Amino acid sequence: MDTLNRKIVTRRSFLKGAALLASIAVVPAAIISKDASAAAKATQAAMQYQDHPKGKLECSNCIQFIPGKTAKAKGTCKVVEGAISPQGYCIAYAPKA
């Protein structure tokens, strides 16, 4: 008979190893996507942001706007960096549906 030691791989140990490899592959991708989303925001100057509305067009009516704690408090934007006034406006304005 063959005198070599054979290591028996159980289904449980195989699945644990596969899960470990999958998690190792996901971590760098998650870090890169977090950095990419932070870098994706444009400056207020690039988006021609202003603290006052353009007619009826204002940030509080924009789909990109994330409101602050109160209706008049500054919030944030998915597209423009920095604090955003609910009465502000920029060229990325997209009305809520």
N, C-alpha and C. Protein backbone atom coordinates (compact mmCIF):
# COMPACT_ATOMS: atom_id res chain seq x y z
N MET A 1 0.82 -1.18 0.00
CA MET A 1 0.00 0.00 0.00
C MET A 1 0.86 1.24 0.00
N ASP A 2 0.24 2.31 -0.31
CA ASP A 2 0.92 3.59 -0.35
C ASP A 2 1.16 4.07 1.08
N THR A 3 2.38 4.46 1.39
CA THR A 3 2.71 4.86 2.75
C THR A 3 2.64 6.38 2.95
N LEU A 4 2.26 7.11 1.94
CA LEU A 4 2.13 8.56 2.08
C LEU A 4 0.94 8.91 2.97
N ASN A 5 1.15 9.92 3.77
CA ASN A 5 0.04 10.40 4.62
C ASN A 5 -0.93 11.20 3.75
N ARG A 6 -2.15 10.82 3.84
CA ARG A 6 -3.18 11.53 3.08
C ARG A 6 -4.01 12.37 4.04
N LYS A 7 -4.20 13.60 3.67
CA LYS A 7 -5.02 14.48 4.49
C LYS A 7 -6.43 14.44 3.94
N ILE A 8 -7.36 14.10 4.78
CA ILE A 8 -8.75 14.02 4.38
C ILE A 8 -9.38 15.40 4.60
N VAL A 9 -9.96 15.92 3.54
CA VAL A 9 -10.62 17.22 3.60
C VAL A 9 -12.11 16.99 3.79
N THR A 10 -12.59 17.45 4.91
CA THR A 10 -14.02 17.30 5.15
C THR A 10 -14.77 18.43 4.46
N ARG A 11 -16.03 18.25 4.28
CA ARG A 11 -16.86 19.26 3.66
C ARG A 11 -16.86 20.53 4.51
N ARG A 12 -16.89 20.37 5.82
CA ARG A 12 -16.90 21.52 6.72
C ARG A 12 -15.61 22.34 6.58
N SER A 13 -14.46 21.69 6.56
CA SER A 13 -13.20 22.43 6.44
C SER A 13 -13.08 23.08 5.06
N PHE A 14 -13.59 22.41 4.04
CA PHE A 14 -13.58 23.00 2.70
C PHE A 14 -14.43 24.27 2.64
N LEU A 15 -15.63 24.22 3.22
CA LEU A 15 -16.51 25.39 3.21
C LEU A 15 -15.94 26.54 4.04
N LYS A 16 -15.30 26.23 5.16
CA LYS A 16 -14.66 27.28 5.96
C LYS A 16 -13.55 27.95 5.16
N GLY A 17 -12.75 27.16 4.46
CA GLY A 17 -11.67 27.71 3.65
C GLY A 17 -12.20 28.57 2.51
N ALA A 18 -13.28 28.11 1.87
CA ALA A 18 -13.87 28.86 0.77
C ALA A 18 -14.44 30.18 1.28
N ALA A 19 -15.08 30.17 2.45
CA ALA A 19 -15.62 31.41 3.02
C ALA A 19 -14.50 32.37 3.38
N LEU A 20 -13.42 31.87 3.90
CA LEU A 20 -12.28 32.71 4.25
C LEU A 20 -11.69 33.36 3.00
N LEU A 21 -11.51 32.59 1.95
CA LEU A 21 -10.98 33.15 0.70
C LEU A 21 -11.91 34.21 0.11
N ALA A 22 -13.21 33.96 0.16
CA ALA A 22 -14.17 34.92 -0.37
C ALA A 22 -14.14 36.22 0.42
N SER A 23 -14.03 36.13 1.75
CA SER A 23 -13.99 37.34 2.56
C SER A 23 -12.72 38.13 2.33
N ILE A 24 -11.62 37.45 2.10
CA ILE A 24 -10.35 38.13 1.82
C ILE A 24 -10.45 38.90 0.51
N ALA A 25 -11.15 38.35 -0.46
CA ALA A 25 -11.29 39.00 -1.75
C ALA A 25 -12.21 40.22 -1.68
N VAL A 26 -13.18 40.21 -0.77
CA VAL A 26 -14.17 41.29 -0.67
C VAL A 26 -13.61 42.53 0.04
N VAL A 27 -12.75 42.35 1.01
CA VAL A 27 -12.25 43.47 1.82
C VAL A 27 -11.56 44.54 0.97
N PRO A 28 -10.60 44.22 0.10
CA PRO A 28 -9.98 45.29 -0.70
C PRO A 28 -10.99 46.01 -1.61
N ALA A 29 -11.94 45.28 -2.16
CA ALA A 29 -12.94 45.90 -3.02
C ALA A 29 -13.80 46.88 -2.24
N ALA A 30 -14.15 46.55 -1.01
CA ALA A 30 -14.96 47.44 -0.17
C ALA A 30 -14.18 48.71 0.17
N ILE A 31 -12.90 48.59 0.43
CA ILE A 31 -12.08 49.75 0.76
C ILE A 31 -11.96 50.66 -0.46
N ILE A 32 -11.75 50.10 -1.62
CA ILE A 32 -11.61 50.89 -2.84
C ILE A 32 -12.92 51.60 -3.16
N SER A 33 -14.06 50.91 -3.04
CA SER A 33 -15.34 51.54 -3.37
C SER A 33 -15.66 52.67 -2.40
N LYS A 34 -15.27 52.55 -1.12
CA LYS A 34 -15.51 53.62 -0.16
C LYS A 34 -14.69 54.85 -0.54
N ASP A 35 -13.42 54.65 -0.91
CA ASP A 35 -12.59 55.77 -1.32
C ASP A 35 -13.09 56.40 -2.62
N ALA A 36 -13.57 55.59 -3.53
CA ALA A 36 -14.07 56.11 -4.81
C ALA A 36 -15.33 56.94 -4.62
N SER A 37 -16.21 56.51 -3.72
CA SER A 37 -17.44 57.28 -3.52
C SER A 37 -17.15 58.62 -2.85
N ALA A 38 -16.16 58.67 -1.96
CA ALA A 38 -15.80 59.93 -1.33
C ALA A 38 -15.16 60.87 -2.33
N ALA A 39 -14.39 60.32 -3.26
CA ALA A 39 -13.73 61.14 -4.26
C ALA A 39 -14.69 61.57 -5.37
N ALA A 40 -15.84 60.95 -5.46
CA ALA A 40 -16.77 61.23 -6.55
C ALA A 40 -17.50 62.56 -6.39
N LYS A 41 -17.52 63.14 -5.19
CA LYS A 41 -18.23 64.41 -4.99
C LYS A 41 -17.45 65.56 -5.61
N ALA A 42 -18.19 66.45 -6.23
CA ALA A 42 -17.60 67.63 -6.87
C ALA A 42 -17.53 68.79 -5.88
N THR A 43 -16.65 69.72 -6.15
CA THR A 43 -16.56 70.91 -5.30
C THR A 43 -17.76 71.81 -5.54
N GLN A 44 -18.03 72.66 -4.56
CA GLN A 44 -19.14 73.60 -4.72
C GLN A 44 -18.89 74.55 -5.88
N ALA A 45 -17.65 74.96 -6.06
CA ALA A 45 -17.32 75.87 -7.16
C ALA A 45 -17.55 75.21 -8.51
N ALA A 46 -17.16 73.94 -8.63
CA ALA A 46 -17.32 73.23 -9.90
C ALA A 46 -18.80 73.06 -10.27
N MET A 47 -19.65 72.93 -9.25
CA MET A 47 -21.08 72.75 -9.50
C MET A 47 -21.85 74.07 -9.46
N GLN A 48 -21.12 75.19 -9.36
CA GLN A 48 -21.71 76.52 -9.33
C GLN A 48 -22.78 76.63 -8.23
N TYR A 49 -22.44 76.07 -7.06
CA TYR A 49 -23.36 76.10 -5.92
C TYR A 49 -23.52 77.53 -5.40
N GLN A 50 -24.75 77.87 -5.01
CA GLN A 50 -25.06 79.16 -4.40
C GLN A 50 -26.02 78.91 -3.24
N ASP A 51 -25.98 79.77 -2.23
CA ASP A 51 -26.82 79.61 -1.03
C ASP A 51 -28.26 80.07 -1.21
N HIS A 52 -28.61 80.54 -2.37
CA HIS A 52 -29.99 81.00 -2.61
C HIS A 52 -30.57 80.25 -3.81
N PRO A 53 -31.91 80.13 -3.86
CA PRO A 53 -32.54 79.36 -4.94
C PRO A 53 -32.47 80.06 -6.29
N LYS A 54 -32.73 79.30 -7.32
CA LYS A 54 -32.86 79.85 -8.68
C LYS A 54 -34.34 79.71 -9.03
N GLY A 55 -35.09 80.75 -8.72
CA GLY A 55 -36.55 80.69 -8.90
C GLY A 55 -37.14 79.70 -7.91
N LYS A 56 -37.85 78.72 -8.42
CA LYS A 56 -38.44 77.68 -7.56
C LYS A 56 -37.49 76.50 -7.37
N LEU A 57 -36.36 76.52 -8.02
CA LEU A 57 -35.40 75.42 -7.93
C LEU A 57 -34.50 75.62 -6.72
N GLU A 58 -34.61 74.72 -5.75
CA GLU A 58 -33.76 74.79 -4.57
C GLU A 58 -33.43 73.38 -4.09
N CYS A 59 -32.36 73.29 -3.32
CA CYS A 59 -31.84 71.99 -2.88
C CYS A 59 -32.88 71.15 -2.14
N SER A 60 -33.75 71.78 -1.35
CA SER A 60 -34.74 71.00 -0.59
C SER A 60 -35.69 70.24 -1.51
N ASN A 61 -35.79 70.64 -2.77
CA ASN A 61 -36.64 69.95 -3.75
C ASN A 61 -35.84 69.05 -4.67
N CYS A 62 -34.56 68.86 -4.38
CA CYS A 62 -33.67 68.08 -5.25
C CYS A 62 -33.53 66.65 -4.72
N ILE A 63 -33.47 65.71 -5.61
CA ILE A 63 -33.33 64.30 -5.25
C ILE A 63 -31.95 64.01 -4.64
N GLN A 64 -30.96 64.83 -4.92
CA GLN A 64 -29.60 64.63 -4.42
C GLN A 64 -29.41 65.13 -3.00
N PHE A 65 -30.31 65.98 -2.50
CA PHE A 65 -30.17 66.64 -1.20
C PHE A 65 -30.49 65.69 -0.05
N ILE A 66 -29.63 65.70 0.98
CA ILE A 66 -29.84 64.92 2.20
C ILE A 66 -30.07 65.95 3.31
N PRO A 67 -31.31 66.07 3.82
CA PRO A 67 -31.63 67.13 4.77
C PRO A 67 -30.85 67.03 6.08
N GLY A 68 -30.74 68.19 6.76
CA GLY A 68 -30.13 68.25 8.08
C GLY A 68 -31.14 67.82 9.14
N LYS A 69 -30.83 68.11 10.41
CA LYS A 69 -31.69 67.69 11.51
C LYS A 69 -33.03 68.40 11.53
N THR A 70 -33.06 69.66 11.08
CA THR A 70 -34.33 70.40 11.00
C THR A 70 -34.52 70.86 9.55
N ALA A 71 -35.70 71.38 9.26
CA ALA A 71 -36.01 71.80 7.89
C ALA A 71 -35.12 72.95 7.41
N LYS A 72 -34.66 73.80 8.34
CA LYS A 72 -33.84 74.95 7.95
C LYS A 72 -32.34 74.70 8.14
N ALA A 73 -31.98 73.58 8.77
CA ALA A 73 -30.57 73.27 9.01
C ALA A 73 -29.90 72.84 7.70
N LYS A 74 -28.61 73.12 7.61
CA LYS A 74 -27.86 72.70 6.43
C LYS A 74 -27.76 71.18 6.40
N GLY A 75 -27.77 70.66 5.21
CA GLY A 75 -27.66 69.22 5.02
C GLY A 75 -26.44 68.90 4.18
N THR A 76 -26.49 67.78 3.49
CA THR A 76 -25.41 67.38 2.59
C THR A 76 -26.02 67.02 1.24
N CYS A 77 -25.15 66.71 0.32
CA CYS A 77 -25.58 66.38 -1.04
C CYS A 77 -24.85 65.12 -1.49
N LYS A 78 -25.49 64.33 -2.32
CA LYS A 78 -24.88 63.12 -2.85
C LYS A 78 -23.84 63.45 -3.92
N VAL A 79 -23.91 64.66 -4.49
CA VAL A 79 -23.06 65.04 -5.61
C VAL A 79 -22.03 66.11 -5.24
N VAL A 80 -22.44 67.07 -4.40
CA VAL A 80 -21.60 68.22 -4.07
C VAL A 80 -21.05 68.06 -2.66
N GLU A 81 -19.79 68.37 -2.46
CA GLU A 81 -19.18 68.25 -1.14
C GLU A 81 -19.52 69.44 -0.25
N GLY A 82 -19.40 69.23 1.05
CA GLY A 82 -19.59 70.32 2.02
C GLY A 82 -21.02 70.44 2.50
N ALA A 83 -21.23 71.44 3.38
CA ALA A 83 -22.56 71.73 3.92
C ALA A 83 -23.40 72.42 2.85
N ILE A 84 -24.65 71.98 2.73
CA ILE A 84 -25.54 72.49 1.69
C ILE A 84 -26.79 73.09 2.32
N SER A 85 -27.12 74.31 1.92
CA SER A 85 -28.33 74.98 2.41
C SER A 85 -29.56 74.41 1.70
N PRO A 86 -30.66 74.20 2.43
CA PRO A 86 -31.88 73.72 1.79
C PRO A 86 -32.41 74.71 0.75
N GLN A 87 -32.07 75.99 0.91
CA GLN A 87 -32.49 77.01 -0.05
C GLN A 87 -31.44 77.24 -1.14
N GLY A 88 -30.40 76.43 -1.17
CA GLY A 88 -29.34 76.60 -2.16
C GLY A 88 -29.73 76.05 -3.52
N TYR A 89 -28.80 76.14 -4.46
CA TYR A 89 -29.02 75.65 -5.82
C TYR A 89 -27.66 75.38 -6.47
N CYS A 90 -27.61 74.38 -7.34
CA CYS A 90 -26.42 74.15 -8.17
C CYS A 90 -26.86 73.53 -9.50
N ILE A 91 -25.92 73.37 -10.39
CA ILE A 91 -26.24 72.86 -11.72
C ILE A 91 -26.56 71.36 -11.72
N ALA A 92 -26.34 70.67 -10.60
CA ALA A 92 -26.68 69.25 -10.51
C ALA A 92 -28.13 69.04 -10.07
N TYR A 93 -28.89 70.11 -9.97
CA TYR A 93 -30.28 70.03 -9.50
C TYR A 93 -31.07 69.04 -10.34
N ALA A 94 -31.76 68.13 -9.63
CA ALA A 94 -32.67 67.17 -10.27
C ALA A 94 -33.93 67.11 -9.41
N PRO A 95 -35.07 67.52 -9.93
CA PRO A 95 -36.28 67.58 -9.12
C PRO A 95 -36.72 66.20 -8.60
N LYS A 96 -37.30 66.21 -7.40
CA LYS A 96 -37.86 64.97 -6.86
C LYS A 96 -39.08 64.59 -7.67
N ALA A 97 -39.27 63.31 -7.85
CA ALA A 97 -40.40 62.83 -8.65
C ALA A 97 -41.69 62.85 -7.87
